[in-house]
């Protein structure tokens, strides 16, 4: 950003005009950037979440890699997997009792 020393009314008016021109240029740039964002929002979001091919490392996206490294996520997944294994074991046990006629638990 340029700062000019103001010595008289003419230099003040010239500086005001320069600043107005800079403001219009910045506004145009912001309008173009906003239009680009609006046109490409979903693509950019998907690329951020699921990582485009050029951002993948070893076949893993950084989103999922960091997601599964989170301790709370791992605890939740382990709890769910444990519950599923318990229910499957219980169901298999009940099926075996019905199939073989055993009534012991």
PDB file of N, CA and C in Angstrom:
ATOM      1  N   UNK A   1       0.859  -1.158   0.000  1.00  0.00           N
ATOM      2  CA  UNK A   1       0.000   0.000   0.000  1.00  0.00           C
ATOM      3  C   UNK A   1       0.908   1.225   0.000  1.00  0.00           C
ATOM      4  N   UNK A   2       0.678   2.094  -0.955  1.00  0.00           N
ATOM      5  CA  UNK A   2       1.474   3.314  -1.056  1.00  0.00           C
ATOM      6  C   UNK A   2       0.846   4.408  -0.215  1.00  0.00           C
ATOM      7  N   UNK A   3       1.698   5.111   0.484  1.00  0.00           N
ATOM      8  CA  UNK A   3       1.236   6.289   1.209  1.00  0.00           C
ATOM      9  C   UNK A   3       1.979   7.478   0.638  1.00  0.00           C
ATOM     10  N   UNK A   4       1.241   8.476   0.302  1.00  0.00           N
ATOM     11  CA  UNK A   4       1.853   9.687  -0.221  1.00  0.00           C
ATOM     12  C   UNK A   4       1.616  10.810   0.761  1.00  0.00           C
ATOM     13  N   UNK A   5       2.611  11.649   0.843  1.00  0.00           N
ATOM     14  CA  UNK A   5       2.454  12.809   1.708  1.00  0.00           C
ATOM     15  C   UNK A   5       1.588  13.832   0.989  1.00  0.00           C
ATOM     16  N   UNK A   6       0.681  14.384   1.718  1.00  0.00           N
ATOM     17  CA  UNK A   6      -0.245  15.378   1.184  1.00  0.00           C
ATOM     18  C   UNK A   6       0.301  16.765   1.547  1.00  0.00           C
ATOM     19  N   UNK A   7       0.537  17.573   0.482  1.00  0.00           N
ATOM     20  CA  UNK A   7       1.088  18.912   0.702  1.00  0.00           C
ATOM     21  C   UNK A   7       0.088  20.024   0.415  1.00  0.00           C
ATOM     22  N   UNK A   8      -0.888  19.693  -0.435  1.00  0.00           N
ATOM     23  CA  UNK A   8      -1.875  20.712  -0.773  1.00  0.00           C
ATOM     24  C   UNK A   8      -3.179  20.042  -1.185  1.00  0.00           C
ATOM     25  N   UNK A   9      -4.159  20.835  -1.541  1.00  0.00           N
ATOM     26  CA  UNK A   9      -5.481  20.317  -1.897  1.00  0.00           C
ATOM     27  C   UNK A   9      -5.428  19.458  -3.153  1.00  0.00           C
ATOM     28  N   UNK A  10      -4.592  19.830  -4.127  1.00  0.00           N
ATOM     29  CA  UNK A  10      -4.482  19.037  -5.366  1.00  0.00           C
ATOM     30  C   UNK A  10      -3.919  17.647  -5.087  1.00  0.00           C
ATOM     31  N   UNK A  11      -2.884  17.589  -4.248  1.00  0.00           N
ATOM     32  CA  UNK A  11      -2.318  16.273  -3.932  1.00  0.00           C
ATOM     33  C   UNK A  11      -3.312  15.438  -3.107  1.00  0.00           C
ATOM     34  N   UNK A  12      -4.122  16.094  -2.287  1.00  0.00           N
ATOM     35  CA  UNK A  12      -5.159  15.398  -1.533  1.00  0.00           C
ATOM     36  C   UNK A  12      -6.191  14.794  -2.478  1.00  0.00           C
ATOM     37  N   UNK A  13      -6.654  15.569  -3.448  1.00  0.00           N
ATOM     38  CA  UNK A  13      -7.636  15.067  -4.417  1.00  0.00           C
ATOM     39  C   UNK A  13      -7.054  13.948  -5.271  1.00  0.00           C
ATOM     40  N   UNK A  14      -5.773  14.053  -5.648  1.00  0.00           N
ATOM     41  CA  UNK A  14      -5.127  13.002  -6.429  1.00  0.00           C
ATOM     42  C   UNK A  14      -5.042  11.715  -5.608  1.00  0.00           C
ATOM     43  N   UNK A  15      -4.709  11.848  -4.345  1.00  0.00           N
ATOM     44  CA  UNK A  15      -4.633  10.679  -3.470  1.00  0.00           C
ATOM     45  C   UNK A  15      -6.003  10.052  -3.264  1.00  0.00           C
ATOM     46  N   UNK A  16      -7.032  10.857  -3.113  1.00  0.00           N
ATOM     47  CA  UNK A  16      -8.405  10.343  -2.980  1.00  0.00           C
ATOM     48  C   UNK A  16      -8.793   9.580  -4.231  1.00  0.00           C
ATOM     49  N   UNK A  17      -8.486  10.114  -5.403  1.00  0.00           N
ATOM     50  CA  UNK A  17      -8.795   9.427  -6.667  1.00  0.00           C
ATOM     51  C   UNK A  17      -8.034   8.102  -6.772  1.00  0.00           C
ATOM     52  N   UNK A  18      -6.767   8.112  -6.377  1.00  0.00           N
ATOM     53  CA  UNK A  18      -5.966   6.890  -6.414  1.00  0.00           C
ATOM     54  C   UNK A  18      -6.551   5.837  -5.478  1.00  0.00           C
ATOM     55  N   UNK A  19      -6.935   6.245  -4.285  1.00  0.00           N
ATOM     56  CA  UNK A  19      -7.521   5.309  -3.321  1.00  0.00           C
ATOM     57  C   UNK A  19      -8.867   4.772  -3.793  1.00  0.00           C
ATOM     58  N   UNK A  20      -9.668   5.633  -4.431  1.00  0.00           N
ATOM     59  CA  UNK A  20     -10.947   5.171  -4.987  1.00  0.00           C
ATOM     60  C   UNK A  20     -10.710   4.146  -6.083  1.00  0.00           C
ATOM     61  N   UNK A  21      -9.697   4.387  -6.917  1.00  0.00           N
ATOM     62  CA  UNK A  21      -9.362   3.441  -7.986  1.00  0.00           C
ATOM     63  C   UNK A  21      -8.896   2.107  -7.384  1.00  0.00           C
ATOM     64  N   UNK A  22      -8.044   2.180  -6.377  1.00  0.00           N
ATOM     65  CA  UNK A  22      -7.608   0.952  -5.702  1.00  0.00           C
ATOM     66  C   UNK A  22      -8.793   0.212  -5.094  1.00  0.00           C
ATOM     67  N   UNK A  23      -9.719   0.950  -4.492  1.00  0.00           N
ATOM     68  CA  UNK A  23     -10.899   0.336  -3.882  1.00  0.00           C
ATOM     69  C   UNK A  23     -11.748  -0.369  -4.943  1.00  0.00           C
ATOM     70  N   UNK A  24     -11.910   0.247  -6.122  1.00  0.00           N
ATOM     71  CA  UNK A  24     -12.678  -0.387  -7.205  1.00  0.00           C
ATOM     72  C   UNK A  24     -11.986  -1.664  -7.680  1.00  0.00           C
ATOM     73  N   UNK A  25     -10.653  -1.611  -7.798  1.00  0.00           N
ATOM     74  CA  UNK A  25      -9.907  -2.801  -8.226  1.00  0.00           C
ATOM     75  C   UNK A  25     -10.044  -3.929  -7.208  1.00  0.00           C
ATOM     76  N   UNK A  26      -9.957  -3.602  -5.955  1.00  0.00           N
ATOM     77  CA  UNK A  26     -10.112  -4.612  -4.904  1.00  0.00           C
ATOM     78  C   UNK A  26     -11.531  -5.164  -4.906  1.00  0.00           C
ATOM     79  N   UNK A  27     -12.511  -4.298  -5.090  1.00  0.00           N
ATOM     80  CA  UNK A  27     -13.904  -4.739  -5.148  1.00  0.00           C
ATOM     81  C   UNK A  27     -14.130  -5.666  -6.324  1.00  0.00           C
ATOM     82  N   UNK A  28     -13.541  -5.341  -7.489  1.00  0.00           N
ATOM     83  CA  UNK A  28     -13.665  -6.218  -8.660  1.00  0.00           C
ATOM     84  C   UNK A  28     -13.039  -7.583  -8.392  1.00  0.00           C
ATOM     85  N   UNK A  29     -11.880  -7.577  -7.764  1.00  0.00           N
ATOM     86  CA  UNK A  29     -11.208  -8.833  -7.436  1.00  0.00           C
ATOM     87  C   UNK A  29     -12.055  -9.664  -6.480  1.00  0.00           C
ATOM     88  N   UNK A  30     -12.617  -9.017  -5.470  1.00  0.00           N
ATOM     89  CA  UNK A  30     -13.479  -9.732  -4.523  1.00  0.00           C
ATOM     90  C   UNK A  30     -14.721 -10.284  -5.206  1.00  0.00           C
ATOM     91  N   UNK A  31     -15.310  -9.521  -6.115  1.00  0.00           N
ATOM     92  CA  UNK A  31     -16.483 -10.004  -6.861  1.00  0.00           C
ATOM     93  C   UNK A  31     -16.128 -11.236  -7.691  1.00  0.00           C
ATOM     94  N   UNK A  32     -14.972 -11.204  -8.367  1.00  0.00           N
ATOM     95  CA  UNK A  32     -14.543 -12.350  -9.172  1.00  0.00           C
ATOM     96  C   UNK A  32     -14.298 -13.561  -8.281  1.00  0.00           C
ATOM     97  N   UNK A  33     -13.656 -13.337  -7.138  1.00  0.00           N
ATOM     98  CA  UNK A  33     -13.386 -14.452  -6.222  1.00  0.00           C
ATOM     99  C   UNK A  33     -14.673 -15.037  -5.654  1.00  0.00           C
ATOM    100  N   UNK A  34     -15.635 -14.181  -5.331  1.00  0.00           N
ATOM    101  CA  UNK A  34     -16.919 -14.655  -4.821  1.00  0.00           C
ATOM    102  C   UNK A  34     -17.660 -15.451  -5.888  1.00  0.00           C
ATOM    103  N   UNK A  35     -17.647 -14.958  -7.120  1.00  0.00           N
ATOM    104  CA  UNK A  35     -18.281 -15.694  -8.216  1.00  0.00           C
ATOM    105  C   UNK A  35     -17.636 -17.068  -8.388  1.00  0.00           C
ATOM    106  N   UNK A  36     -16.305 -17.101  -8.336  1.00  0.00           N
ATOM    107  CA  UNK A  36     -15.592 -18.374  -8.475  1.00  0.00           C
ATOM    108  C   UNK A  36     -15.981 -19.323  -7.336  1.00  0.00           C
ATOM    109  N   UNK A  37     -16.022 -18.802  -6.123  1.00  0.00           N
ATOM    110  CA  UNK A  37     -16.396 -19.628  -4.972  1.00  0.00           C
ATOM    111  C   UNK A  37     -17.808 -20.169  -5.123  1.00  0.00           C
ATOM    112  N   UNK A  38     -18.735 -19.318  -5.551  1.00  0.00           N
ATOM    113  CA  UNK A  38     -20.122 -19.756  -5.717  1.00  0.00           C
ATOM    114  C   UNK A  38     -20.236 -20.810  -6.816  1.00  0.00           C
ATOM    115  N   UNK A  39     -19.471 -20.652  -7.893  1.00  0.00           N
ATOM    116  CA  UNK A  39     -19.540 -21.605  -9.001  1.00  0.00           C
ATOM    117  C   UNK A  39     -18.873 -22.939  -8.671  1.00  0.00           C
ATOM    118  N   UNK A  40     -17.886 -22.930  -7.793  1.00  0.00           N
ATOM    119  CA  UNK A  40     -17.077 -24.122  -7.550  1.00  0.00           C
ATOM    120  C   UNK A  40     -17.129 -24.614  -6.109  1.00  0.00           C
ATOM    121  N   UNK A  41     -18.109 -24.170  -5.339  1.00  0.00           N
ATOM    122  CA  UNK A  41     -18.166 -24.497  -3.916  1.00  0.00           C
ATOM    123  C   UNK A  41     -18.195 -26.002  -3.666  1.00  0.00           C
ATOM    124  N   UNK A  42     -19.110 -26.708  -4.328  1.00  0.00           N
ATOM    125  CA  UNK A  42     -19.265 -28.137  -4.051  1.00  0.00           C
ATOM    126  C   UNK A  42     -18.042 -28.923  -4.489  1.00  0.00           C
ATOM    127  N   UNK A  43     -17.471 -28.567  -5.628  1.00  0.00           N
ATOM    128  CA  UNK A  43     -16.272 -29.251  -6.091  1.00  0.00           C
ATOM    129  C   UNK A  43     -15.123 -29.041  -5.119  1.00  0.00           C
ATOM    130  N   UNK A  44     -14.960 -27.811  -4.667  1.00  0.00           N
ATOM    131  CA  UNK A  44     -13.885 -27.509  -3.723  1.00  0.00           C
ATOM    132  C   UNK A  44     -14.121 -28.232  -2.393  1.00  0.00           C
ATOM    133  N   UNK A  45     -15.361 -28.294  -1.948  1.00  0.00           N
ATOM    134  CA  UNK A  45     -15.675 -28.983  -0.703  1.00  0.00           C
ATOM    135  C   UNK A  45     -15.365 -30.474  -0.819  1.00  0.00           C
ATOM    136  N   UNK A  46     -15.802 -31.077  -1.901  1.00  0.00           N
ATOM    137  CA  UNK A  46     -15.541 -32.505  -2.094  1.00  0.00           C
ATOM    138  C   UNK A  46     -14.048 -32.783  -2.200  1.00  0.00           C
ATOM    139  N   UNK A  47     -13.325 -31.930  -2.903  1.00  0.00           N
ATOM    140  CA  UNK A  47     -11.877 -32.105  -3.010  1.00  0.00           C
ATOM    141  C   UNK A  47     -11.211 -31.949  -1.654  1.00  0.00           C
ATOM    142  N   UNK A  48     -11.719 -31.057  -0.831  1.00  0.00           N
ATOM    143  CA  UNK A  48     -11.141 -30.862   0.495  1.00  0.00           C
ATOM    144  C   UNK A  48     -11.409 -32.062   1.393  1.00  0.00           C
ATOM    145  N   UNK A  49     -12.605 -32.597   1.332  1.00  0.00           N
ATOM    146  CA  UNK A  49     -12.952 -33.721   2.196  1.00  0.00           C
ATOM    147  C   UNK A  49     -12.356 -35.033   1.718  1.00  0.00           C
ATOM    148  N   UNK A  50     -12.413 -35.281   0.423  1.00  0.00           N
ATOM    149  CA  UNK A  50     -12.025 -36.587  -0.093  1.00  0.00           C
ATOM    150  C   UNK A  50     -10.715 -36.566  -0.856  1.00  0.00           C
ATOM    151  N   UNK A  51     -10.057 -35.448  -0.925  1.00  0.00           N
ATOM    152  CA  UNK A  51      -8.750 -35.276  -1.553  1.00  0.00           C
ATOM    153  C   UNK A  51      -8.723 -35.762  -2.996  1.00  0.00           C
ATOM    154  N   UNK A  52      -8.421 -34.883  -3.866  1.00  0.00           N
ATOM    155  CA  UNK A  52      -8.262 -35.190  -5.281  1.00  0.00           C
ATOM    156  C   UNK A  52      -7.071 -36.132  -5.432  1.00  0.00           C
ATOM    157  N   UNK A  53      -6.986 -36.838  -6.551  1.00  0.00           N
ATOM    158  CA  UNK A  53      -5.940 -37.833  -6.757  1.00  0.00           C
ATOM    159  C   UNK A  53      -4.541 -37.283  -6.539  1.00  0.00           C
ATOM    160  N   UNK A  54      -4.287 -36.042  -6.946  1.00  0.00           N
ATOM    161  CA  UNK A  54      -2.942 -35.503  -6.814  1.00  0.00           C
ATOM    162  C   UNK A  54      -2.593 -35.176  -5.372  1.00  0.00           C
ATOM    163  N   UNK A  55      -3.557 -35.186  -4.468  1.00  0.00           N
ATOM    164  CA  UNK A  55      -3.292 -34.924  -3.060  1.00  0.00           C
ATOM    165  C   UNK A  55      -3.236 -36.209  -2.234  1.00  0.00           C
ATOM    166  N   UNK A  56      -3.512 -37.352  -2.851  1.00  0.00           N
ATOM    167  CA  UNK A  56      -3.530 -38.605  -2.103  1.00  0.00           C
ATOM    168  C   UNK A  56      -2.109 -39.096  -1.898  1.00  0.00           C
ATOM    169  N   UNK A  57      -1.902 -39.713  -0.761  1.00  0.00           N
ATOM    170  CA  UNK A  57      -0.626 -40.336  -0.465  1.00  0.00           C
ATOM    171  C   UNK A  57      -0.899 -41.774  -0.073  1.00  0.00           C
ATOM    172  N   UNK A  58      -0.251 -42.701  -0.762  1.00  0.00           N
ATOM    173  CA  UNK A  58      -0.394 -44.126  -0.469  1.00  0.00           C
ATOM    174  C   UNK A  58      -1.850 -44.587  -0.504  1.00  0.00           C
ATOM    175  N   UNK A  59      -2.654 -43.971  -1.357  1.00  0.00           N
ATOM    176  CA  UNK A  59      -4.038 -44.386  -1.517  1.00  0.00           C
ATOM    177  C   UNK A  59      -4.963 -43.950  -0.407  1.00  0.00           C
ATOM    178  N   UNK A  60      -4.495 -43.114   0.501  1.00  0.00           N
ATOM    179  CA  UNK A  60      -5.346 -42.679   1.605  1.00  0.00           C
ATOM    180  C   UNK A  60      -5.574 -41.179   1.482  1.00  0.00           C
ATOM    181  N   UNK A  61      -6.778 -40.754   1.722  1.00  0.00           N
ATOM    182  CA  UNK A  61      -7.026 -39.314   1.728  1.00  0.00           C
ATOM    183  C   UNK A  61      -6.688 -38.771   3.102  1.00  0.00           C
ATOM    184  N   UNK A  62      -6.221 -37.571   3.151  1.00  0.00           N
ATOM    185  CA  UNK A  62      -5.809 -36.996   4.430  1.00  0.00           C
ATOM    186  C   UNK A  62      -7.006 -36.801   5.365  1.00  0.00           C
ATOM    187  N   UNK A  63      -8.192 -36.555   4.792  1.00  0.00           N
ATOM    188  CA  UNK A  63      -9.376 -36.408   5.634  1.00  0.00           C
ATOM    189  C   UNK A  63      -9.643 -37.695   6.406  1.00  0.00           C
ATOM    190  N   UNK A  64      -9.715 -38.817   5.684  1.00  0.00           N
ATOM    191  CA  UNK A  64     -10.040 -40.079   6.341  1.00  0.00           C
ATOM    192  C   UNK A  64      -8.901 -40.523   7.239  1.00  0.00           C
ATOM    193  N   UNK A  65      -7.680 -40.235   6.820  1.00  0.00           N
ATOM    194  CA  UNK A  65      -6.521 -40.611   7.634  1.00  0.00           C
ATOM    195  C   UNK A  65      -6.583 -39.904   8.987  1.00  0.00           C
ATOM    196  N   UNK A  66      -6.817 -38.607   8.976  1.00  0.00           N
ATOM    197  CA  UNK A  66      -6.897 -37.865  10.233  1.00  0.00           C
ATOM    198  C   UNK A  66      -8.167 -38.222  10.999  1.00  0.00           C
ATOM    199  N   UNK A  67      -9.253 -38.522  10.278  1.00  0.00           N
ATOM    200  CA  UNK A  67     -10.515 -38.900  10.913  1.00  0.00           C
ATOM    201  C   UNK A  67     -10.340 -40.159  11.754  1.00  0.00           C
ATOM    202  N   UNK A  68      -9.690 -41.173  11.185  1.00  0.00           N
ATOM    203  CA  UNK A  68      -9.543 -42.439  11.890  1.00  0.00           C
ATOM    204  C   UNK A  68      -8.420 -42.409  12.925  1.00  0.00           C
ATOM    205  N   UNK A  69      -7.592 -41.389  12.917  1.00  0.00           N
ATOM    206  CA  UNK A  69      -6.561 -41.262  13.937  1.00  0.00           C
ATOM    207  C   UNK A  69      -7.098 -40.618  15.210  1.00  0.00           C
ATOM    208  N   UNK A  70      -8.278 -40.050  15.153  1.00  0.00           N
ATOM    209  CA  UNK A  70      -8.858 -39.367  16.302  1.00  0.00           C
ATOM    210  C   UNK A  70      -9.226 -40.403  17.354  1.00  0.00           C
ATOM    211  N   UNK A  71      -8.810 -40.168  18.586  1.00  0.00           N
ATOM    212  CA  UNK A  71      -8.990 -41.140  19.665  1.00  0.00           C
ATOM    213  C   UNK A  71     -10.464 -41.452  19.936  1.00  0.00           C
ATOM    214  N   UNK A  72     -11.318 -40.431  19.950  1.00  0.00           N
ATOM    215  CA  UNK A  72     -12.744 -40.642  20.221  1.00  0.00           C
ATOM    216  C   UNK A  72     -13.384 -41.485  19.121  1.00  0.00           C
ATOM    217  N   UNK A  73     -12.985 -41.248  17.877  1.00  0.00           N
ATOM    218  CA  UNK A  73     -13.520 -42.039  16.761  1.00  0.00           C
ATOM    219  C   UNK A  73     -13.102 -43.492  16.928  1.00  0.00           C
ATOM    220  N   UNK A  74     -11.844 -43.726  17.250  1.00  0.00           N
ATOM    221  CA  UNK A  74     -11.371 -45.101  17.438  1.00  0.00           C
ATOM    222  C   UNK A  74     -12.089 -45.787  18.592  1.00  0.00           C
ATOM    223  N   UNK A  75     -12.297 -45.081  19.685  1.00  0.00           N
ATOM    224  CA  UNK A  75     -13.017 -45.651  20.823  1.00  0.00           C
ATOM    225  C   UNK A  75     -14.441 -46.024  20.420  1.00  0.00           C
ATOM    226  N   UNK A  76     -15.100 -45.128  19.696  1.00  0.00           N
ATOM    227  CA  UNK A  76     -16.470 -45.388  19.250  1.00  0.00           C
ATOM    228  C   UNK A  76     -16.522 -46.583  18.309  1.00  0.00           C
ATOM    229  N   UNK A  77     -15.595 -46.637  17.360  1.00  0.00           N
ATOM    230  CA  UNK A  77     -15.563 -47.757  16.408  1.00  0.00           C
ATOM    231  C   UNK A  77     -15.313 -49.069  17.148  1.00  0.00           C
ATOM    232  N   UNK A  78     -14.392 -49.051  18.096  1.00  0.00           N
ATOM    233  CA  UNK A  78     -14.113 -50.270  18.870  1.00  0.00           C
ATOM    234  C   UNK A  78     -15.327 -50.707  19.687  1.00  0.00           C
ATOM    235  N   UNK A  79     -16.043 -49.746  20.259  1.00  0.00           N
ATOM    236  CA  UNK A  79     -17.252 -50.069  21.027  1.00  0.00           C
ATOM    237  C   UNK A  79     -18.314 -50.677  20.116  1.00  0.00           C
ATOM    238  N   UNK A  80     -18.526 -50.058  18.969  1.00  0.00           N
ATOM    239  CA  UNK A  80     -19.521 -50.582  18.014  1.00  0.00           C
ATOM    240  C   UNK A  80     -19.125 -51.977  17.548  1.00  0.00           C
ATOM    241  N   UNK A  81     -17.838 -52.140  17.193  1.00  0.00           N
ATOM    242  CA  UNK A  81     -17.372 -53.460  16.731  1.00  0.00           C
ATOM    243  C   UNK A  81     -17.538 -54.507  17.833  1.00  0.00           C
ATOM    244  N   UNK A  82     -17.244 -54.125  19.071  1.00  0.00           N
ATOM    245  CA  UNK A  82     -17.434 -55.049  20.187  1.00  0.00           C
ATOM    246  C   UNK A  82     -18.882 -55.442  20.366  1.00  0.00           C
ATOM    247  N   UNK A  83     -19.779 -54.455  20.270  1.00  0.00           N
ATOM    248  CA  UNK A  83     -21.213 -54.751  20.391  1.00  0.00           C
ATOM    249  C   UNK A  83     -21.694 -55.656  19.270  1.00  0.00           C
ATOM    250  N   UNK A  84     -21.224 -55.398  18.059  1.00  0.00           N
ATOM    251  CA  UNK A  84     -21.616 -56.243  16.922  1.00  0.00           C
ATOM    252  C   UNK A  84     -21.101 -57.661  17.125  1.00  0.00           C
ATOM    253  N   UNK A  85     -19.859 -57.782  17.573  1.00  0.00           N
ATOM    254  CA  UNK A  85     -19.286 -59.119  17.812  1.00  0.00           C
ATOM    255  C   UNK A  85     -20.062 -59.846  18.912  1.00  0.00           C
ATOM    256  N   UNK A  86     -20.431 -59.124  19.968  1.00  0.00           N
ATOM    257  CA  UNK A  86     -21.214 -59.739  21.051  1.00  0.00           C
ATOM    258  C   UNK A  86     -22.561 -60.233  20.539  1.00  0.00           C
ATOM    259  N   UNK A  87     -23.248 -59.387  19.756  1.00  0.00           N
ATOM    260  CA  UNK A  87     -24.567 -59.776  19.225  1.00  0.00           C
ATOM    261  C   UNK A  87     -24.435 -60.945  18.260  1.00  0.00           C
ATOM    262  N   UNK A  88     -23.391 -60.933  17.436  1.00  0.00           N
ATOM    263  CA  UNK A  88     -23.188 -62.029  16.485  1.00  0.00           C
ATOM    264  C   UNK A  88     -22.894 -63.327  17.234  1.00  0.00           C
ATOM    265  N   UNK A  89     -22.076 -63.233  18.270  1.00  0.00           N
ATOM    266  CA  UNK A  89     -21.751 -64.416  19.074  1.00  0.00           C
ATOM    267  C   UNK A  89     -22.997 -64.959  19.771  1.00  0.00           C
ATOM    268  N   UNK A  90     -23.785 -64.051  20.313  1.00  0.00           N
ATOM    269  CA  UNK A  90     -25.031 -64.454  20.982  1.00  0.00           C
ATOM    270  C   UNK A  90     -25.984 -65.103  19.987  1.00  0.00           C
ATOM    271  N   UNK A  91     -26.113 -64.514  18.804  1.00  0.00           N
ATOM    272  CA  UNK A  91     -26.989 -65.079  17.776  1.00  0.00           C
ATOM    273  C   UNK A  91     -26.510 -66.443  17.309  1.00  0.00           C
ATOM    274  N   UNK A  92     -25.202 -66.588  17.139  1.00  0.00           N
ATOM    275  CA  UNK A  92     -24.639 -67.874  16.720  1.00  0.00           C
ATOM    276  C   UNK A  92     -24.839 -68.922  17.807  1.00  0.00           C
ATOM    277  N   UNK A  93     -24.659 -68.525  19.031  1.00  0.00           N
ATOM    278  CA  UNK A  93     -24.876 -69.433  20.168  1.00  0.00           C
ATOM    279  C   UNK A  93     -26.335 -69.898  20.205  1.00  0.00           C
ATOM    280  N   UNK A  94     -27.267 -68.962  20.054  1.00  0.00           N
ATOM    281  CA  UNK A  94     -28.696 -69.323  20.038  1.00  0.00           C
ATOM    282  C   UNK A  94     -29.027 -70.234  18.860  1.00  0.00           C
ATOM    283  N   UNK A  95     -28.457 -69.947  17.694  1.00  0.00           N
ATOM    284  CA  UNK A  95     -28.709 -70.784  16.511  1.00  0.00           C
ATOM    285  C   UNK A  95     -28.191 -72.190  16.738  1.00  0.00           C
ATOM    286  N   UNK A  96     -26.975 -72.275  17.315  1.00  0.00           N
ATOM    287  CA  UNK A  96     -26.401 -73.601  17.571  1.00  0.00           C
ATOM    288  C   UNK A  96     -27.265 -74.381  18.573  1.00  0.00           C
ATOM    289  N   UNK A  97     -27.763 -73.681  19.605  1.00  0.00           N
ATOM    290  CA  UNK A  97     -28.646 -74.357  20.573  1.00  0.00           C
ATOM    291  C   UNK A  97     -29.906 -74.858  19.903  1.00  0.00           C
ATOM    292  N   UNK A  98     -30.492 -74.050  19.019  1.00  0.00           N
ATOM    293  CA  UNK A  98     -31.713 -74.467  18.324  1.00  0.00           C
ATOM    294  C   UNK A  98     -31.418 -75.583  17.339  1.00  0.00           C
ATOM    295  N   UNK A  99     -30.313 -75.500  16.631  1.00  0.00           N
ATOM    296  CA  UNK A  99     -29.985 -76.465  15.607  1.00  0.00           C
ATOM    297  C   UNK A  99     -29.619 -77.822  16.203  1.00  0.00           C
ATOM    298  N   UNK A 100     -28.833 -77.802  17.269  1.00  0.00           N
ATOM    299  CA  UNK A 100     -28.377 -79.044  17.887  1.00  0.00           C
ATOM    300  C   UNK A 100     -29.267 -79.511  19.027  1.00  0.00           C
ATOM    301  N   UNK A 101     -30.238 -78.706  19.392  1.00  0.00           N
ATOM    302  CA  UNK A 101     -31.170 -79.090  20.433  1.00  0.00           C
ATOM    303  C   UNK A 101     -30.615 -78.947  21.835  1.00  0.00           C
ATOM    304  N   UNK A 102     -29.496 -78.283  21.993  1.00  0.00           N
ATOM    305  CA  UNK A 102     -28.939 -78.095  23.334  1.00  0.00           C
ATOM    306  C   UNK A 102     -29.614 -76.902  23.987  1.00  0.00           C
ATOM    307  N   UNK A 103     -29.968 -77.065  25.237  1.00  0.00           N
ATOM    308  CA  UNK A 103     -30.616 -75.978  25.950  1.00  0.00           C
ATOM    309  C   UNK A 103     -29.698 -75.376  27.005  1.00  0.00           C
ATOM    310  N   UNK A 104     -28.406 -75.772  26.995  1.00  0.00           N
ATOM    311  CA  UNK A 104     -27.485 -75.222  27.979  1.00  0.00           C
ATOM    312  C   UNK A 104     -26.936 -73.887  27.482  1.00  0.00           C
ATOM    313  N   UNK A 105     -26.578 -73.008  28.403  1.00  0.00           N
ATOM    314  CA  UNK A 105     -26.079 -71.672  28.054  1.00  0.00           C
ATOM    315  C   UNK A 105     -24.711 -71.498  28.546  1.00  0.00           C
TER     316      UNK A 105
END
